[in-house]
Amino acid sequence: MEELLDVLLDTVTETRVKLISLDEARALMVLLGVLEEQASSGEVREAAGEMRLRLGSRLT
């Protein structure tokens, strides 16, 4: 699962982030936050948290 999340995150380059709206990016941040809090696997929680941080840094 962690590898899948890494692949998804790696494909979200700055160019691709621009393909989603700001509202969609915010919704994705919320979903990643829920995944980070609710996932049973520590690896999934860690990967979701990292994705949130990386995506969030590109939104500011």
PDB file of N, CA and C in Angstrom:
ATOM      1  N   MET A   1       0.820  -1.189   0.000  1.00  0.00           N
ATOM      2  CA  MET A   1       0.000   0.000   0.000  1.00  0.00           C
ATOM      3  C   MET A   1       0.866   1.256   0.000  1.00  0.00           C
ATOM      4  N   GLU A   2       1.940   1.233   0.783  1.00  0.00           N
ATOM      5  CA  GLU A   2       2.821   2.397   0.844  1.00  0.00           C
ATOM      6  C   GLU A   2       3.417   2.689  -0.533  1.00  0.00           C
ATOM      7  N   GLU A   3       3.777   1.635  -1.266  1.00  0.00           N
ATOM      8  CA  GLU A   3       4.341   1.841  -2.604  1.00  0.00           C
ATOM      9  C   GLU A   3       3.321   2.504  -3.522  1.00  0.00           C
ATOM     10  N   LEU A   4       2.052   2.093  -3.413  1.00  0.00           N
ATOM     11  CA  LEU A   4       1.006   2.699  -4.230  1.00  0.00           C
ATOM     12  C   LEU A   4       0.869   4.181  -3.906  1.00  0.00           C
ATOM     13  N   LEU A   5       0.869   4.519  -2.620  1.00  0.00           N
ATOM     14  CA  LEU A   5       0.768   5.922  -2.232  1.00  0.00           C
ATOM     15  C   LEU A   5       1.984   6.709  -2.704  1.00  0.00           C
ATOM     16  N   ASP A   6       3.163   6.094  -2.643  1.00  0.00           N
ATOM     17  CA  ASP A   6       4.370   6.767  -3.149  1.00  0.00           C
ATOM     18  C   ASP A   6       4.258   7.043  -4.638  1.00  0.00           C
ATOM     19  N   VAL A   7       3.770   6.073  -5.390  1.00  0.00           N
ATOM     20  CA  VAL A   7       3.606   6.247  -6.834  1.00  0.00           C
ATOM     21  C   VAL A   7       2.619   7.368  -7.111  1.00  0.00           C
ATOM     22  N   LEU A   8       1.506   7.374  -6.381  1.00  0.00           N
ATOM     23  CA  LEU A   8       0.510   8.431  -6.578  1.00  0.00           C
ATOM     24  C   LEU A   8       1.098   9.796  -6.260  1.00  0.00           C
ATOM     25  N   LEU A   9       1.845   9.876  -5.186  1.00  0.00           N
ATOM     26  CA  LEU A   9       2.432  11.146  -4.800  1.00  0.00           C
ATOM     27  C   LEU A   9       3.483  11.594  -5.806  1.00  0.00           C
ATOM     28  N   ASP A  10       4.299  10.670  -6.271  1.00  0.00           N
ATOM     29  CA  ASP A  10       5.339  11.015  -7.234  1.00  0.00           C
ATOM     30  C   ASP A  10       4.758  11.527  -8.544  1.00  0.00           C
ATOM     31  N   THR A  11       3.554  11.069  -8.903  1.00  0.00           N
ATOM     32  CA  THR A  11       2.944  11.529 -10.152  1.00  0.00           C
ATOM     33  C   THR A  11       2.287  12.891 -10.004  1.00  0.00           C
ATOM     34  N   VAL A  12       2.127  13.352  -8.766  1.00  0.00           N
ATOM     35  CA  VAL A  12       1.534  14.667  -8.539  1.00  0.00           C
ATOM     36  C   VAL A  12       2.649  15.697  -8.535  1.00  0.00           C
ATOM     37  N   THR A  13       3.083  16.040  -9.704  1.00  0.00           N
ATOM     38  CA  THR A  13       4.118  17.064  -9.828  1.00  0.00           C
ATOM     39  C   THR A  13       3.448  18.427  -9.778  1.00  0.00           C
ATOM     40  N   GLU A  14       4.235  19.462  -9.703  1.00  0.00           N
ATOM     41  CA  GLU A  14       3.661  20.809  -9.658  1.00  0.00           C
ATOM     42  C   GLU A  14       2.765  21.068 -10.867  1.00  0.00           C
ATOM     43  N   THR A  15       3.144  20.553 -12.009  1.00  0.00           N
ATOM     44  CA  THR A  15       2.331  20.730 -13.211  1.00  0.00           C
ATOM     45  C   THR A  15       0.990  20.053 -13.040  1.00  0.00           C
ATOM     46  N   ARG A  16       0.994  18.851 -12.511  1.00  0.00           N
ATOM     47  CA  ARG A  16      -0.253  18.108 -12.358  1.00  0.00           C
ATOM     48  C   ARG A  16      -1.150  18.689 -11.271  1.00  0.00           C
ATOM     49  N   VAL A  17      -0.574  19.266 -10.234  1.00  0.00           N
ATOM     50  CA  VAL A  17      -1.398  19.877  -9.198  1.00  0.00           C
ATOM     51  C   VAL A  17      -2.270  20.961  -9.811  1.00  0.00           C
ATOM     52  N   LYS A  18      -1.755  21.640 -10.811  1.00  0.00           N
ATOM     53  CA  LYS A  18      -2.512  22.701 -11.462  1.00  0.00           C
ATOM     54  C   LYS A  18      -3.706  22.154 -12.240  1.00  0.00           C
ATOM     55  N   LEU A  19      -3.753  20.843 -12.466  1.00  0.00           N
ATOM     56  CA  LEU A  19      -4.866  20.252 -13.189  1.00  0.00           C
ATOM     57  C   LEU A  19      -6.108  20.087 -12.323  1.00  0.00           C
ATOM     58  N   ILE A  20      -5.952  20.208 -11.014  1.00  0.00           N
ATOM     59  CA  ILE A  20      -7.103  20.140 -10.128  1.00  0.00           C
ATOM     60  C   ILE A  20      -7.352  21.522  -9.555  1.00  0.00           C
ATOM     61  N   SER A  21      -8.606  21.775  -9.244  1.00  0.00           N
ATOM     62  CA  SER A  21      -8.943  23.094  -8.713  1.00  0.00           C
ATOM     63  C   SER A  21      -8.490  23.203  -7.263  1.00  0.00           C
ATOM     64  N   LEU A  22      -8.475  24.408  -6.767  1.00  0.00           N
ATOM     65  CA  LEU A  22      -8.105  24.641  -5.376  1.00  0.00           C
ATOM     66  C   LEU A  22      -9.085  23.937  -4.446  1.00  0.00           C
ATOM     67  N   ASP A  23     -10.364  23.964  -4.790  1.00  0.00           N
ATOM     68  CA  ASP A  23     -11.368  23.276  -3.971  1.00  0.00           C
ATOM     69  C   ASP A  23     -11.134  21.768  -3.957  1.00  0.00           C
ATOM     70  N   GLU A  24     -10.781  21.215  -5.109  1.00  0.00           N
ATOM     71  CA  GLU A  24     -10.488  19.773  -5.174  1.00  0.00           C
ATOM     72  C   GLU A  24      -9.251  19.433  -4.349  1.00  0.00           C
ATOM     73  N   ALA A  25      -8.255  20.289  -4.391  1.00  0.00           N
ATOM     74  CA  ALA A  25      -7.038  20.056  -3.616  1.00  0.00           C
ATOM     75  C   ALA A  25      -7.350  20.097  -2.124  1.00  0.00           C
ATOM     76  N   ARG A  26      -8.185  21.031  -1.719  1.00  0.00           N
ATOM     77  CA  ARG A  26      -8.575  21.111  -0.310  1.00  0.00           C
ATOM     78  C   ARG A  26      -9.344  19.863   0.112  1.00  0.00           C
ATOM     79  N   ALA A  27     -10.239  19.395  -0.752  1.00  0.00           N
ATOM     80  CA  ALA A  27     -10.994  18.175  -0.448  1.00  0.00           C
ATOM     81  C   ALA A  27     -10.054  16.979  -0.331  1.00  0.00           C
ATOM     82  N   LEU A  28      -9.068  16.919  -1.191  1.00  0.00           N
ATOM     83  CA  LEU A  28      -8.082  15.843  -1.127  1.00  0.00           C
ATOM     84  C   LEU A  28      -7.296  15.913   0.177  1.00  0.00           C
ATOM     85  N   MET A  29      -6.962  17.114   0.623  1.00  0.00           N
ATOM     86  CA  MET A  29      -6.259  17.279   1.894  1.00  0.00           C
ATOM     87  C   MET A  29      -7.101  16.747   3.051  1.00  0.00           C
ATOM     88  N   VAL A  30      -8.407  17.006   3.014  1.00  0.00           N
ATOM     89  CA  VAL A  30      -9.306  16.506   4.060  1.00  0.00           C
ATOM     90  C   VAL A  30      -9.345  14.983   4.032  1.00  0.00           C
ATOM     91  N   LEU A  31      -9.497  14.409   2.845  1.00  0.00           N
ATOM     92  CA  LEU A  31      -9.545  12.951   2.728  1.00  0.00           C
ATOM     93  C   LEU A  31      -8.248  12.301   3.198  1.00  0.00           C
ATOM     94  N   LEU A  32      -7.119  12.898   2.855  1.00  0.00           N
ATOM     95  CA  LEU A  32      -5.833  12.372   3.322  1.00  0.00           C
ATOM     96  C   LEU A  32      -5.725  12.480   4.842  1.00  0.00           C
ATOM     97  N   GLY A  33      -6.277  13.546   5.406  1.00  0.00           N
ATOM     98  CA  GLY A  33      -6.279  13.695   6.860  1.00  0.00           C
ATOM     99  C   GLY A  33      -7.091  12.603   7.539  1.00  0.00           C
ATOM    100  N   VAL A  34      -8.238  12.290   6.973  1.00  0.00           N
ATOM    101  CA  VAL A  34      -9.074  11.210   7.511  1.00  0.00           C
ATOM    102  C   VAL A  34      -8.336   9.883   7.387  1.00  0.00           C
ATOM    103  N   LEU A  35      -7.734   9.635   6.246  1.00  0.00           N
ATOM    104  CA  LEU A  35      -6.974   8.404   6.052  1.00  0.00           C
ATOM    105  C   LEU A  35      -5.831   8.315   7.053  1.00  0.00           C
ATOM    106  N   GLU A  36      -5.161   9.432   7.257  1.00  0.00           N
ATOM    107  CA  GLU A  36      -4.038   9.463   8.202  1.00  0.00           C
ATOM    108  C   GLU A  36      -4.510   9.111   9.615  1.00  0.00           C
ATOM    109  N   GLU A  37      -5.679   9.577   9.997  1.00  0.00           N
ATOM    110  CA  GLU A  37      -6.193   9.337  11.345  1.00  0.00           C
ATOM    111  C   GLU A  37      -6.831   7.960  11.504  1.00  0.00           C
ATOM    112  N   GLN A  38      -7.464   7.444  10.448  1.00  0.00           N
ATOM    113  CA  GLN A  38      -8.284   6.251  10.588  1.00  0.00           C
ATOM    114  C   GLN A  38      -7.664   4.955  10.076  1.00  0.00           C
ATOM    115  N   ALA A  39      -6.609   5.033   9.302  1.00  0.00           N
ATOM    116  CA  ALA A  39      -6.016   3.821   8.715  1.00  0.00           C
ATOM    117  C   ALA A  39      -5.466   2.920   9.811  1.00  0.00           C
ATOM    118  N   SER A  40      -5.616   1.632   9.623  1.00  0.00           N
ATOM    119  CA  SER A  40      -5.122   0.682  10.621  1.00  0.00           C
ATOM    120  C   SER A  40      -3.620   0.433  10.476  1.00  0.00           C
ATOM    121  N   SER A  41      -3.100   0.635   9.300  1.00  0.00           N
ATOM    122  CA  SER A  41      -1.674   0.406   9.049  1.00  0.00           C
ATOM    123  C   SER A  41      -0.870   1.673   9.328  1.00  0.00           C
ATOM    124  N   GLY A  42       0.176   1.526  10.108  1.00  0.00           N
ATOM    125  CA  GLY A  42       1.059   2.653  10.381  1.00  0.00           C
ATOM    126  C   GLY A  42       1.716   3.186   9.134  1.00  0.00           C
ATOM    127  N   GLU A  43       2.037   2.290   8.200  1.00  0.00           N
ATOM    128  CA  GLU A  43       2.672   2.712   6.950  1.00  0.00           C
ATOM    129  C   GLU A  43       1.728   3.579   6.130  1.00  0.00           C
ATOM    130  N   VAL A  44       0.447   3.208   6.112  1.00  0.00           N
ATOM    131  CA  VAL A  44      -0.539   3.987   5.357  1.00  0.00           C
ATOM    132  C   VAL A  44      -0.732   5.350   6.014  1.00  0.00           C
ATOM    133  N   ARG A  45      -0.815   5.368   7.347  1.00  0.00           N
ATOM    134  CA  ARG A  45      -0.963   6.647   8.055  1.00  0.00           C
ATOM    135  C   ARG A  45       0.233   7.556   7.769  1.00  0.00           C
ATOM    136  N   GLU A  46       1.418   7.000   7.808  1.00  0.00           N
ATOM    137  CA  GLU A  46       2.628   7.786   7.550  1.00  0.00           C
ATOM    138  C   GLU A  46       2.643   8.320   6.117  1.00  0.00           C
ATOM    139  N   ALA A  47       2.292   7.460   5.158  1.00  0.00           N
ATOM    140  CA  ALA A  47       2.284   7.881   3.749  1.00  0.00           C
ATOM    141  C   ALA A  47       1.222   8.948   3.504  1.00  0.00           C
ATOM    142  N   ALA A  48       0.046   8.794   4.113  1.00  0.00           N
ATOM    143  CA  ALA A  48      -1.013   9.794   3.949  1.00  0.00           C
ATOM    144  C   ALA A  48      -0.577  11.130   4.537  1.00  0.00           C
ATOM    145  N   GLY A  49       0.074  11.087   5.685  1.00  0.00           N
ATOM    146  CA  GLY A  49       0.574  12.322   6.295  1.00  0.00           C
ATOM    147  C   GLY A  49       1.610  13.007   5.427  1.00  0.00           C
ATOM    148  N   GLU A  50       2.488  12.209   4.862  1.00  0.00           N
ATOM    149  CA  GLU A  50       3.516  12.777   3.974  1.00  0.00           C
ATOM    150  C   GLU A  50       2.877  13.384   2.733  1.00  0.00           C
ATOM    151  N   MET A  51       1.878  12.707   2.182  1.00  0.00           N
ATOM    152  CA  MET A  51       1.191  13.243   1.004  1.00  0.00           C
ATOM    153  C   MET A  51       0.512  14.566   1.337  1.00  0.00           C
ATOM    154  N   ARG A  52      -0.127  14.635   2.515  1.00  0.00           N
ATOM    155  CA  ARG A  52      -0.778  15.881   2.926  1.00  0.00           C
ATOM    156  C   ARG A  52       0.237  17.014   3.027  1.00  0.00           C
ATOM    157  N   LEU A  53       1.370  16.738   3.641  1.00  0.00           N
ATOM    158  CA  LEU A  53       2.392  17.771   3.786  1.00  0.00           C
ATOM    159  C   LEU A  53       2.918  18.244   2.432  1.00  0.00           C
ATOM    160  N   ARG A  54       3.197  17.285   1.567  1.00  0.00           N
ATOM    161  CA  ARG A  54       3.761  17.653   0.259  1.00  0.00           C
ATOM    162  C   ARG A  54       2.749  18.395  -0.594  1.00  0.00           C
ATOM    163  N   LEU A  55       1.506  17.935  -0.582  1.00  0.00           N
ATOM    164  CA  LEU A  55       0.469  18.626  -1.356  1.00  0.00           C
ATOM    165  C   LEU A  55       0.209  19.996  -0.759  1.00  0.00           C
ATOM    166  N   GLY A  56       0.142  20.064   0.554  1.00  0.00           N
ATOM    167  CA  GLY A  56      -0.102  21.341   1.217  1.00  0.00           C
ATOM    168  C   GLY A  56       0.978  22.373   0.917  1.00  0.00           C
ATOM    169  N   SER A  57       2.210  21.921   0.830  1.00  0.00           N
ATOM    170  CA  SER A  57       3.308  22.845   0.542  1.00  0.00           C
ATOM    171  C   SER A  57       3.207  23.409  -0.871  1.00  0.00           C
ATOM    172  N   ARG A  58       2.576  22.687  -1.741  1.00  0.00           N
ATOM    173  CA  ARG A  58       2.412  23.165  -3.127  1.00  0.00           C
ATOM    174  C   ARG A  58       1.215  24.085  -3.274  1.00  0.00           C
ATOM    175  N   LEU A  59       0.332  24.085  -2.295  1.00  0.00           N
ATOM    176  CA  LEU A  59      -0.865  24.934  -2.372  1.00  0.00           C
ATOM    177  C   LEU A  59      -0.618  26.325  -1.809  1.00  0.00           C
ATOM    178  N   THR A  60       0.459  26.492  -1.078  1.00  0.00           N
ATOM    179  CA  THR A  60       0.681  27.806  -0.457  1.00  0.00           C
ATOM    180  C   THR A  60       1.549  28.678  -1.312  1.00  0.00           C
TER     181      THR A  60
END
